[in-house]
Amino acid sequence: MSDFNKVKLAALGKGTSTGATYTVYAFASRGGVWGIYQSTDLGATWNLIDIGSVKIGNDPNCMGASLQVFGDVFVGSGGSGVYYASINT
């Protein structure tokens, strides 16, 4: 995770059918851009997967990912509920 300025949360989820056993997710700042990032190759490369128009509260405090369904990630925020994304690409 050396490409990031700061990592606040991280989680492991189900890997792709052709890639690594796990997919890594991070709520982090990379190049000054905060968001949810996904790596399907155990951190060698990262993709920003959230859409910029959805703001995840001021204080996201927990993150989880499904070990059964590839691409399902959850972020709990400080009082704004739980945000869910399903990235099946």
N, C-alpha and C. Protein backbone atom coordinates (compact mmCIF):
# COMPACT_ATOMS: atom_id res chain seq x y z
N MET A 1 0.82 -1.19 0.00
CA MET A 1 0.00 0.00 0.00
C MET A 1 0.86 1.25 0.00
N SER A 2 2.04 1.14 -0.54
CA SER A 2 2.96 2.26 -0.51
C SER A 2 2.57 3.39 -1.46
N ASP A 3 1.65 3.16 -2.38
CA ASP A 3 1.21 4.21 -3.31
C ASP A 3 0.26 5.21 -2.66
N PHE A 4 -0.16 4.95 -1.44
CA PHE A 4 -1.17 5.78 -0.79
C PHE A 4 -0.53 6.83 0.12
N ASN A 5 -1.18 8.00 0.18
CA ASN A 5 -0.77 9.03 1.13
C ASN A 5 -1.18 8.63 2.53
N LYS A 6 -2.41 8.08 2.65
CA LYS A 6 -2.93 7.65 3.95
C LYS A 6 -3.99 6.59 3.72
N VAL A 7 -3.96 5.55 4.53
CA VAL A 7 -4.98 4.50 4.50
C VAL A 7 -5.71 4.52 5.83
N LYS A 8 -7.03 4.70 5.76
CA LYS A 8 -7.83 4.76 6.99
C LYS A 8 -8.43 3.40 7.31
N LEU A 9 -8.91 2.66 6.28
CA LEU A 9 -9.56 1.36 6.49
C LEU A 9 -9.12 0.40 5.39
N ALA A 10 -9.16 -0.89 5.69
CA ALA A 10 -8.86 -1.90 4.68
C ALA A 10 -9.67 -3.16 4.97
N ALA A 11 -9.93 -3.94 3.92
CA ALA A 11 -10.69 -5.19 4.06
C ALA A 11 -10.29 -6.16 2.95
N LEU A 12 -10.50 -7.43 3.21
CA LEU A 12 -10.28 -8.48 2.21
C LEU A 12 -11.62 -9.06 1.78
N GLY A 13 -11.77 -9.31 0.49
CA GLY A 13 -12.98 -9.92 -0.04
C GLY A 13 -12.63 -11.04 -0.99
N LYS A 14 -13.64 -11.64 -1.55
CA LYS A 14 -13.45 -12.74 -2.49
C LYS A 14 -12.65 -12.27 -3.71
N GLY A 15 -11.72 -13.10 -4.15
CA GLY A 15 -10.93 -12.78 -5.32
C GLY A 15 -11.68 -13.06 -6.61
N THR A 16 -11.09 -12.67 -7.71
CA THR A 16 -11.69 -12.94 -9.01
C THR A 16 -11.51 -14.41 -9.36
N SER A 17 -12.25 -14.88 -10.32
CA SER A 17 -12.16 -16.29 -10.71
C SER A 17 -10.84 -16.59 -11.41
N THR A 18 -10.17 -15.57 -11.92
CA THR A 18 -8.92 -15.79 -12.66
C THR A 18 -7.71 -15.17 -11.97
N GLY A 19 -7.91 -14.50 -10.85
CA GLY A 19 -6.80 -13.79 -10.21
C GLY A 19 -6.47 -14.33 -8.84
N ALA A 20 -6.10 -13.43 -7.96
CA ALA A 20 -5.69 -13.78 -6.61
C ALA A 20 -6.86 -14.34 -5.80
N THR A 21 -6.53 -15.06 -4.75
CA THR A 21 -7.55 -15.64 -3.87
C THR A 21 -8.41 -14.56 -3.22
N TYR A 22 -7.80 -13.42 -2.90
CA TYR A 22 -8.51 -12.33 -2.25
C TYR A 22 -8.43 -11.06 -3.09
N THR A 23 -9.45 -10.21 -2.90
CA THR A 23 -9.44 -8.85 -3.41
C THR A 23 -9.22 -7.94 -2.21
N VAL A 24 -8.37 -6.94 -2.35
CA VAL A 24 -8.08 -6.02 -1.25
C VAL A 24 -8.80 -4.71 -1.53
N TYR A 25 -9.45 -4.18 -0.49
CA TYR A 25 -10.14 -2.89 -0.58
C TYR A 25 -9.51 -1.95 0.44
N ALA A 26 -9.46 -0.67 0.12
CA ALA A 26 -8.93 0.33 1.05
C ALA A 26 -9.72 1.62 0.93
N PHE A 27 -10.05 2.21 2.06
CA PHE A 27 -10.54 3.59 2.08
C PHE A 27 -9.31 4.42 2.36
N ALA A 28 -8.87 5.16 1.34
CA ALA A 28 -7.55 5.78 1.42
C ALA A 28 -7.46 7.02 0.56
N SER A 29 -6.35 7.71 0.74
CA SER A 29 -6.01 8.86 -0.09
C SER A 29 -4.82 8.46 -0.96
N ARG A 30 -4.98 8.63 -2.25
CA ARG A 30 -3.93 8.31 -3.21
C ARG A 30 -3.83 9.48 -4.18
N GLY A 31 -2.68 10.09 -4.25
CA GLY A 31 -2.54 11.28 -5.09
C GLY A 31 -3.47 12.40 -4.68
N GLY A 32 -3.80 12.45 -3.39
CA GLY A 32 -4.70 13.47 -2.87
C GLY A 32 -6.18 13.19 -3.09
N VAL A 33 -6.53 12.02 -3.66
CA VAL A 33 -7.92 11.67 -3.93
C VAL A 33 -8.38 10.60 -2.93
N TRP A 34 -9.32 10.98 -2.05
CA TRP A 34 -9.88 10.04 -1.08
C TRP A 34 -10.96 9.20 -1.76
N GLY A 35 -11.03 7.93 -1.41
CA GLY A 35 -12.08 7.09 -1.93
C GLY A 35 -11.86 5.63 -1.58
N ILE A 36 -12.69 4.78 -2.17
CA ILE A 36 -12.57 3.34 -1.99
C ILE A 36 -11.79 2.80 -3.18
N TYR A 37 -10.70 2.13 -2.88
CA TYR A 37 -9.84 1.55 -3.90
C TYR A 37 -9.91 0.03 -3.83
N GLN A 38 -9.73 -0.61 -4.97
CA GLN A 38 -9.80 -2.07 -5.07
C GLN A 38 -8.55 -2.58 -5.80
N SER A 39 -7.99 -3.68 -5.27
CA SER A 39 -6.88 -4.35 -5.93
C SER A 39 -7.21 -5.82 -6.08
N THR A 40 -7.15 -6.32 -7.30
CA THR A 40 -7.41 -7.75 -7.54
C THR A 40 -6.12 -8.54 -7.71
N ASP A 41 -4.98 -7.88 -7.47
CA ASP A 41 -3.69 -8.56 -7.58
C ASP A 41 -2.83 -8.34 -6.33
N LEU A 42 -3.52 -8.36 -5.18
CA LEU A 42 -2.87 -8.25 -3.86
C LEU A 42 -2.02 -6.99 -3.70
N GLY A 43 -2.48 -5.91 -4.28
CA GLY A 43 -1.86 -4.61 -4.06
C GLY A 43 -0.86 -4.15 -5.11
N ALA A 44 -0.63 -4.94 -6.14
CA ALA A 44 0.29 -4.51 -7.20
C ALA A 44 -0.28 -3.32 -7.97
N THR A 45 -1.60 -3.32 -8.21
CA THR A 45 -2.28 -2.21 -8.88
C THR A 45 -3.57 -1.91 -8.13
N TRP A 46 -4.01 -0.66 -8.24
CA TRP A 46 -5.22 -0.21 -7.53
C TRP A 46 -6.12 0.55 -8.48
N ASN A 47 -7.46 0.40 -8.27
CA ASN A 47 -8.45 1.16 -9.04
C ASN A 47 -9.39 1.85 -8.06
N LEU A 48 -9.69 3.12 -8.34
CA LEU A 48 -10.69 3.85 -7.57
C LEU A 48 -12.05 3.33 -8.00
N ILE A 49 -12.85 2.80 -7.07
CA ILE A 49 -14.12 2.18 -7.46
C ILE A 49 -15.35 2.93 -7.02
N ASP A 50 -15.22 3.91 -6.12
CA ASP A 50 -16.43 4.65 -5.75
C ASP A 50 -16.68 5.75 -6.75
N ILE A 51 -17.91 6.22 -6.77
CA ILE A 51 -18.23 7.33 -7.67
C ILE A 51 -18.13 8.62 -6.87
N GLY A 52 -17.51 9.61 -7.45
CA GLY A 52 -17.22 10.84 -6.73
C GLY A 52 -18.43 11.58 -6.18
N SER A 53 -19.61 11.34 -6.72
CA SER A 53 -20.79 12.08 -6.26
C SER A 53 -21.34 11.53 -4.94
N VAL A 54 -20.91 10.36 -4.51
CA VAL A 54 -21.37 9.78 -3.24
C VAL A 54 -20.30 10.05 -2.19
N LYS A 55 -20.67 10.82 -1.19
CA LYS A 55 -19.72 11.15 -0.12
C LYS A 55 -20.01 10.26 1.09
N ILE A 56 -18.98 9.61 1.58
CA ILE A 56 -19.14 8.67 2.69
C ILE A 56 -18.89 9.39 4.00
N GLY A 57 -19.84 10.18 4.45
CA GLY A 57 -19.74 10.83 5.75
C GLY A 57 -18.39 11.47 6.02
N ASN A 58 -18.26 12.02 7.20
CA ASN A 58 -17.01 12.67 7.57
C ASN A 58 -16.04 11.71 8.23
N ASP A 59 -16.56 10.59 8.73
CA ASP A 59 -15.70 9.72 9.52
C ASP A 59 -16.03 8.25 9.31
N PRO A 60 -15.70 7.69 8.14
CA PRO A 60 -15.93 6.25 7.96
C PRO A 60 -15.12 5.49 9.00
N ASN A 61 -15.76 4.53 9.67
CA ASN A 61 -15.06 3.89 10.77
C ASN A 61 -14.95 2.38 10.69
N CYS A 62 -15.53 1.75 9.69
CA CYS A 62 -15.35 0.31 9.52
C CYS A 62 -15.58 -0.06 8.06
N MET A 63 -14.91 -1.14 7.64
CA MET A 63 -15.03 -1.59 6.26
C MET A 63 -15.03 -3.10 6.26
N GLY A 64 -15.87 -3.67 5.40
CA GLY A 64 -15.91 -5.12 5.23
C GLY A 64 -16.17 -5.45 3.78
N ALA A 65 -15.85 -6.68 3.40
CA ALA A 65 -16.09 -7.14 2.04
C ALA A 65 -16.56 -8.58 2.09
N SER A 66 -17.36 -8.95 1.12
CA SER A 66 -17.91 -10.31 1.07
C SER A 66 -16.84 -11.31 0.66
N LEU A 67 -16.79 -12.42 1.36
CA LEU A 67 -15.91 -13.52 0.97
C LEU A 67 -16.64 -14.51 0.07
N GLN A 68 -17.95 -14.28 -0.16
CA GLN A 68 -18.75 -15.14 -1.02
C GLN A 68 -19.01 -14.53 -2.40
N VAL A 69 -19.14 -13.20 -2.47
CA VAL A 69 -19.49 -12.51 -3.72
C VAL A 69 -18.39 -11.52 -4.08
N PHE A 70 -17.74 -11.74 -5.22
CA PHE A 70 -16.70 -10.82 -5.66
C PHE A 70 -17.27 -9.43 -5.88
N GLY A 71 -16.58 -8.42 -5.36
CA GLY A 71 -16.95 -7.03 -5.63
C GLY A 71 -17.89 -6.39 -4.65
N ASP A 72 -18.41 -7.14 -3.67
CA ASP A 72 -19.30 -6.54 -2.68
C ASP A 72 -18.47 -5.97 -1.53
N VAL A 73 -18.59 -4.68 -1.30
CA VAL A 73 -17.83 -4.00 -0.24
C VAL A 73 -18.76 -3.08 0.54
N PHE A 74 -18.51 -2.97 1.85
CA PHE A 74 -19.37 -2.21 2.76
C PHE A 74 -18.50 -1.26 3.57
N VAL A 75 -18.99 -0.02 3.76
CA VAL A 75 -18.27 0.95 4.58
C VAL A 75 -19.27 1.57 5.55
N GLY A 76 -18.97 1.48 6.85
CA GLY A 76 -19.80 2.11 7.87
C GLY A 76 -19.27 3.50 8.16
N SER A 77 -20.19 4.45 8.25
CA SER A 77 -19.77 5.83 8.46
C SER A 77 -20.22 6.31 9.83
N GLY A 78 -19.63 7.39 10.26
CA GLY A 78 -19.93 7.96 11.57
C GLY A 78 -21.30 8.61 11.61
N GLY A 79 -22.35 7.81 11.71
CA GLY A 79 -23.70 8.33 11.84
C GLY A 79 -24.49 8.48 10.56
N SER A 80 -23.89 8.19 9.41
CA SER A 80 -24.60 8.33 8.14
C SER A 80 -25.04 6.99 7.54
N GLY A 81 -24.89 5.92 8.29
CA GLY A 81 -25.33 4.61 7.81
C GLY A 81 -24.20 3.80 7.21
N VAL A 82 -24.60 2.74 6.48
CA VAL A 82 -23.65 1.85 5.84
C VAL A 82 -23.77 2.03 4.33
N TYR A 83 -22.65 2.23 3.66
CA TYR A 83 -22.62 2.36 2.23
C TYR A 83 -22.22 1.02 1.64
N TYR A 84 -22.89 0.62 0.55
CA TYR A 84 -22.67 -0.67 -0.07
C TYR A 84 -22.40 -0.45 -1.56
N ALA A 85 -21.41 -1.17 -2.05
CA ALA A 85 -21.12 -1.13 -3.49
C ALA A 85 -20.93 -2.55 -3.98
N SER A 86 -21.39 -2.80 -5.18
CA SER A 86 -21.19 -4.10 -5.81
C SER A 86 -20.48 -3.85 -7.13
N ILE A 87 -19.21 -4.19 -7.17
CA ILE A 87 -18.38 -3.95 -8.33
C ILE A 87 -18.07 -5.31 -8.93
N ASN A 88 -18.80 -5.72 -9.93
CA ASN A 88 -18.66 -7.06 -10.50
C ASN A 88 -17.97 -7.04 -11.85
N THR A 89 -16.82 -6.36 -11.94
CA THR A 89 -16.08 -6.32 -13.19
C THR A 89 -14.75 -6.99 -13.05
